[in-house]
Amino acid sequence: MTTYTSEMHNGGTLRIWSESGGCRYEVFDSGGERVWGHPLTGLSDLRTLIQRRDPFDLDNLPTFGGATPDDTTEVWSWDETSLLVGTCAADLEIVNRQDW
């Protein structure tokens, strides 16, 4: 199992973990209370989550299959056909691997 954890700009914590059955996430408020949790089905869900929750750290986000790209500069996650790319949460976009 892989786990990603980051503090968010609002003082809470975002936790994402992947296991054989897929990925899930939980959001905790600044007091450590769990306020939300849900499955992640792919890059689109991950991008929406990151943009809404605005974590400090984008390193070590879960991936959804496919080979690791040769150059992961500004690549935060991927699946077999697409990459989640950008310089920060605000400008994340999903692009086709061949176009990248």
N, C-alpha and C. Protein backbone atom coordinates (compact mmCIF):
# COMPACT_ATOMS: atom_id res chain seq x y z
N MET A 1 0.84 -1.17 0.00
CA MET A 1 0.00 0.00 0.00
C MET A 1 0.89 1.25 0.00
N THR A 2 0.53 2.24 -0.80
CA THR A 2 1.23 3.51 -0.86
C THR A 2 0.36 4.58 -0.23
N THR A 3 0.95 5.43 0.60
CA THR A 3 0.20 6.49 1.26
C THR A 3 0.84 7.83 0.98
N TYR A 4 0.01 8.80 0.62
CA TYR A 4 0.41 10.19 0.42
C TYR A 4 -0.28 11.00 1.51
N THR A 5 0.45 11.86 2.19
CA THR A 5 -0.12 12.74 3.20
C THR A 5 0.48 14.12 3.05
N SER A 6 -0.37 15.16 3.09
CA SER A 6 0.13 16.53 3.02
C SER A 6 -0.77 17.45 3.83
N GLU A 7 -0.16 18.42 4.46
CA GLU A 7 -0.92 19.50 5.09
C GLU A 7 -1.52 20.35 3.97
N MET A 8 -2.70 20.91 4.25
CA MET A 8 -3.35 21.78 3.27
C MET A 8 -3.21 23.23 3.74
N HIS A 9 -3.41 24.15 2.83
CA HIS A 9 -3.28 25.57 3.15
C HIS A 9 -4.30 26.03 4.19
N ASN A 10 -5.40 25.30 4.36
CA ASN A 10 -6.41 25.69 5.36
C ASN A 10 -6.12 25.11 6.74
N GLY A 11 -4.99 24.43 6.90
CA GLY A 11 -4.61 23.87 8.20
C GLY A 11 -5.01 22.43 8.39
N GLY A 12 -5.78 21.87 7.48
CA GLY A 12 -6.17 20.47 7.56
C GLY A 12 -5.13 19.56 6.93
N THR A 13 -5.49 18.30 6.79
CA THR A 13 -4.60 17.30 6.21
C THR A 13 -5.33 16.51 5.15
N LEU A 14 -4.65 16.22 4.06
CA LEU A 14 -5.16 15.36 3.00
C LEU A 14 -4.36 14.08 3.02
N ARG A 15 -5.06 12.95 3.03
CA ARG A 15 -4.41 11.64 3.00
C ARG A 15 -4.99 10.84 1.86
N ILE A 16 -4.13 10.31 0.99
CA ILE A 16 -4.53 9.47 -0.13
C ILE A 16 -3.75 8.18 -0.03
N TRP A 17 -4.42 7.08 -0.20
CA TRP A 17 -3.69 5.82 -0.20
C TRP A 17 -4.18 4.95 -1.34
N SER A 18 -3.26 4.14 -1.84
CA SER A 18 -3.61 3.19 -2.90
C SER A 18 -3.31 1.79 -2.40
N GLU A 19 -4.14 0.90 -2.85
CA GLU A 19 -3.98 -0.52 -2.54
C GLU A 19 -4.50 -1.30 -3.72
N SER A 20 -4.53 -2.58 -3.65
CA SER A 20 -4.91 -3.40 -4.80
C SER A 20 -6.30 -3.08 -5.32
N GLY A 21 -7.19 -2.59 -4.48
CA GLY A 21 -8.55 -2.27 -4.89
C GLY A 21 -8.73 -0.88 -5.45
N GLY A 22 -7.66 -0.07 -5.57
CA GLY A 22 -7.76 1.28 -6.09
C GLY A 22 -7.24 2.30 -5.10
N CYS A 23 -7.72 3.54 -5.23
CA CYS A 23 -7.28 4.64 -4.36
C CYS A 23 -8.48 5.22 -3.61
N ARG A 24 -8.19 5.71 -2.43
CA ARG A 24 -9.18 6.42 -1.61
C ARG A 24 -8.50 7.63 -1.00
N TYR A 25 -9.31 8.59 -0.57
CA TYR A 25 -8.75 9.74 0.14
C TYR A 25 -9.59 10.09 1.34
N GLU A 26 -8.96 10.77 2.28
CA GLU A 26 -9.63 11.32 3.45
C GLU A 26 -9.12 12.73 3.66
N VAL A 27 -10.02 13.60 4.12
CA VAL A 27 -9.68 14.97 4.47
C VAL A 27 -9.94 15.13 5.96
N PHE A 28 -8.97 15.71 6.66
CA PHE A 28 -9.09 15.95 8.09
C PHE A 28 -9.03 17.45 8.33
N ASP A 29 -9.86 17.96 9.26
CA ASP A 29 -9.81 19.38 9.59
C ASP A 29 -8.58 19.68 10.44
N SER A 30 -8.39 20.94 10.79
CA SER A 30 -7.19 21.33 11.53
C SER A 30 -7.11 20.70 12.92
N GLY A 31 -8.23 20.21 13.43
CA GLY A 31 -8.24 19.53 14.72
C GLY A 31 -8.03 18.03 14.62
N GLY A 32 -7.86 17.53 13.40
CA GLY A 32 -7.62 16.10 13.19
C GLY A 32 -8.88 15.27 13.01
N GLU A 33 -10.04 15.91 12.95
CA GLU A 33 -11.30 15.18 12.73
C GLU A 33 -11.48 14.88 11.25
N ARG A 34 -11.87 13.66 10.94
CA ARG A 34 -12.13 13.28 9.56
C ARG A 34 -13.42 13.96 9.11
N VAL A 35 -13.35 14.70 8.00
CA VAL A 35 -14.52 15.41 7.51
C VAL A 35 -15.01 14.89 6.16
N TRP A 36 -14.18 14.12 5.48
CA TRP A 36 -14.62 13.65 4.17
C TRP A 36 -13.73 12.49 3.73
N GLY A 37 -14.29 11.57 3.00
CA GLY A 37 -13.53 10.47 2.42
C GLY A 37 -14.26 9.92 1.22
N HIS A 38 -13.53 9.45 0.24
CA HIS A 38 -14.17 8.99 -0.98
C HIS A 38 -13.15 8.23 -1.84
N PRO A 39 -13.61 7.35 -2.73
CA PRO A 39 -12.68 6.71 -3.67
C PRO A 39 -12.20 7.69 -4.74
N LEU A 40 -11.03 7.45 -5.28
CA LEU A 40 -10.51 8.18 -6.44
C LEU A 40 -10.52 7.22 -7.62
N THR A 41 -11.14 7.61 -8.71
CA THR A 41 -11.25 6.69 -9.84
C THR A 41 -10.23 6.93 -10.94
N GLY A 42 -9.47 8.02 -10.86
CA GLY A 42 -8.48 8.28 -11.90
C GLY A 42 -7.92 9.68 -11.82
N LEU A 43 -7.23 10.07 -12.88
CA LEU A 43 -6.54 11.35 -12.90
C LEU A 43 -7.49 12.54 -12.76
N SER A 44 -8.66 12.47 -13.37
CA SER A 44 -9.61 13.58 -13.28
C SER A 44 -10.06 13.81 -11.84
N ASP A 45 -10.38 12.74 -11.14
CA ASP A 45 -10.75 12.86 -9.72
C ASP A 45 -9.59 13.42 -8.90
N LEU A 46 -8.38 12.94 -9.17
CA LEU A 46 -7.20 13.40 -8.44
C LEU A 46 -6.96 14.89 -8.68
N ARG A 47 -7.05 15.33 -9.93
CA ARG A 47 -6.86 16.76 -10.25
C ARG A 47 -7.89 17.62 -9.52
N THR A 48 -9.15 17.22 -9.55
CA THR A 48 -10.20 17.97 -8.87
C THR A 48 -9.94 18.04 -7.37
N LEU A 49 -9.56 16.93 -6.78
CA LEU A 49 -9.26 16.88 -5.35
C LEU A 49 -8.12 17.83 -5.00
N ILE A 50 -7.03 17.77 -5.75
CA ILE A 50 -5.87 18.61 -5.48
C ILE A 50 -6.23 20.09 -5.64
N GLN A 51 -6.97 20.43 -6.68
CA GLN A 51 -7.33 21.82 -6.89
C GLN A 51 -8.28 22.34 -5.81
N ARG A 52 -9.17 21.51 -5.32
CA ARG A 52 -10.11 21.95 -4.27
C ARG A 52 -9.46 22.02 -2.90
N ARG A 53 -8.57 21.10 -2.60
CA ARG A 53 -7.99 21.00 -1.26
C ARG A 53 -6.67 21.72 -1.11
N ASP A 54 -5.97 22.00 -2.20
CA ASP A 54 -4.75 22.82 -2.22
C ASP A 54 -3.71 22.38 -1.19
N PRO A 55 -3.19 21.15 -1.33
CA PRO A 55 -2.13 20.71 -0.40
C PRO A 55 -0.81 21.41 -0.69
N PHE A 56 0.05 21.49 0.33
CA PHE A 56 1.37 22.09 0.16
C PHE A 56 2.26 21.26 -0.76
N ASP A 57 2.17 19.95 -0.67
CA ASP A 57 3.11 19.05 -1.31
C ASP A 57 2.40 18.22 -2.38
N LEU A 58 2.93 18.21 -3.60
CA LEU A 58 2.37 17.37 -4.66
C LEU A 58 3.22 16.13 -4.92
N ASP A 59 4.38 16.02 -4.26
CA ASP A 59 5.24 14.85 -4.46
C ASP A 59 4.56 13.60 -3.94
N ASN A 60 4.82 12.49 -4.61
CA ASN A 60 4.37 11.15 -4.19
C ASN A 60 2.87 10.95 -4.26
N LEU A 61 2.20 11.64 -5.20
CA LEU A 61 0.78 11.37 -5.42
C LEU A 61 0.64 9.96 -6.00
N PRO A 62 -0.51 9.32 -5.81
CA PRO A 62 -0.68 7.98 -6.38
C PRO A 62 -0.73 8.02 -7.90
N THR A 63 -0.40 6.90 -8.51
CA THR A 63 -0.51 6.76 -9.96
C THR A 63 -1.56 5.70 -10.26
N PHE A 64 -1.99 5.64 -11.51
CA PHE A 64 -3.11 4.79 -11.88
C PHE A 64 -2.75 3.83 -13.01
N GLY A 65 -1.51 3.36 -13.03
CA GLY A 65 -1.08 2.39 -14.02
C GLY A 65 -0.20 3.01 -15.08
N GLY A 66 0.37 2.16 -15.90
CA GLY A 66 1.27 2.62 -16.95
C GLY A 66 2.68 2.80 -16.42
N ALA A 67 3.60 2.91 -17.36
CA ALA A 67 5.02 3.06 -17.02
C ALA A 67 5.31 4.46 -16.51
N THR A 68 6.32 4.56 -15.65
CA THR A 68 6.78 5.86 -15.18
C THR A 68 7.37 6.61 -16.37
N PRO A 69 6.97 7.87 -16.58
CA PRO A 69 7.54 8.63 -17.71
C PRO A 69 9.06 8.78 -17.56
N ASP A 70 9.75 8.88 -18.70
CA ASP A 70 11.21 9.05 -18.68
C ASP A 70 11.61 10.32 -17.94
N ASP A 71 10.87 11.40 -18.16
CA ASP A 71 11.13 12.68 -17.51
C ASP A 71 9.89 13.05 -16.71
N THR A 72 10.02 13.12 -15.40
CA THR A 72 8.86 13.43 -14.55
C THR A 72 8.84 14.88 -14.08
N THR A 73 9.61 15.75 -14.74
CA THR A 73 9.58 17.17 -14.41
C THR A 73 8.17 17.70 -14.67
N GLU A 74 7.55 18.27 -13.64
CA GLU A 74 6.19 18.81 -13.69
C GLU A 74 5.13 17.75 -13.98
N VAL A 75 5.47 16.46 -13.83
CA VAL A 75 4.51 15.36 -13.96
C VAL A 75 4.24 14.83 -12.56
N TRP A 76 3.00 14.89 -12.12
CA TRP A 76 2.67 14.55 -10.73
C TRP A 76 2.01 13.18 -10.59
N SER A 77 1.34 12.72 -11.63
CA SER A 77 0.69 11.41 -11.60
C SER A 77 0.44 10.99 -13.04
N TRP A 78 0.05 9.73 -13.24
CA TRP A 78 -0.19 9.24 -14.59
C TRP A 78 -1.03 7.99 -14.56
N ASP A 79 -1.55 7.66 -15.76
CA ASP A 79 -2.16 6.36 -16.00
C ASP A 79 -1.57 5.85 -17.31
N GLU A 80 -2.17 4.84 -17.91
CA GLU A 80 -1.58 4.23 -19.10
C GLU A 80 -1.53 5.18 -20.30
N THR A 81 -2.47 6.12 -20.38
CA THR A 81 -2.57 6.97 -21.57
C THR A 81 -2.33 8.46 -21.32
N SER A 82 -2.40 8.91 -20.07
CA SER A 82 -2.37 10.34 -19.77
C SER A 82 -1.44 10.68 -18.62
N LEU A 83 -1.10 11.96 -18.52
CA LEU A 83 -0.25 12.49 -17.45
C LEU A 83 -0.95 13.67 -16.79
N LEU A 84 -0.78 13.79 -15.47
CA LEU A 84 -1.25 14.96 -14.72
C LEU A 84 -0.04 15.87 -14.58
N VAL A 85 -0.07 17.04 -15.24
CA VAL A 85 1.09 17.91 -15.30
C VAL A 85 0.75 19.32 -14.84
N GLY A 86 1.77 20.06 -14.45
CA GLY A 86 1.61 21.46 -14.07
C GLY A 86 2.70 21.88 -13.11
N THR A 87 2.69 23.16 -12.78
CA THR A 87 3.70 23.69 -11.86
C THR A 87 3.17 23.83 -10.44
N CYS A 88 1.84 23.84 -10.29
CA CYS A 88 1.20 23.96 -8.97
C CYS A 88 -0.24 23.45 -9.09
N ALA A 89 -0.95 23.39 -7.98
CA ALA A 89 -2.32 22.88 -7.99
C ALA A 89 -3.22 23.67 -8.93
N ALA A 90 -3.02 24.98 -9.01
CA ALA A 90 -3.91 25.83 -9.80
C ALA A 90 -3.84 25.58 -11.30
N ASP A 91 -2.68 25.12 -11.81
CA ASP A 91 -2.57 24.96 -13.27
C ASP A 91 -2.45 23.50 -13.71
N LEU A 92 -2.88 22.57 -12.89
CA LEU A 92 -2.82 21.16 -13.27
C LEU A 92 -3.71 20.89 -14.48
N GLU A 93 -3.20 20.08 -15.39
CA GLU A 93 -4.00 19.64 -16.52
C GLU A 93 -3.65 18.20 -16.86
N ILE A 94 -4.55 17.56 -17.51
CA ILE A 94 -4.34 16.18 -17.95
C ILE A 94 -4.03 16.22 -19.44
N VAL A 95 -2.89 15.64 -19.81
CA VAL A 95 -2.47 15.64 -21.21
C VAL A 95 -2.18 14.20 -21.65
N ASN A 96 -2.34 13.99 -22.93
CA ASN A 96 -2.03 12.69 -23.53
C ASN A 96 -0.53 12.46 -23.47
N ARG A 97 -0.12 11.24 -23.12
CA ARG A 97 1.31 10.92 -23.02
C ARG A 97 2.05 11.24 -24.33
N GLN A 98 1.44 10.91 -25.46
CA GLN A 98 2.10 11.15 -26.74
C GLN A 98 2.29 12.63 -27.03
N ASP A 99 1.36 13.47 -26.58
CA ASP A 99 1.47 14.91 -26.79
C ASP A 99 2.52 15.54 -25.89
N TRP A 100 2.80 14.92 -24.75
CA TRP A 100 3.75 15.47 -23.78
C TRP A 100 5.15 15.25 -24.31
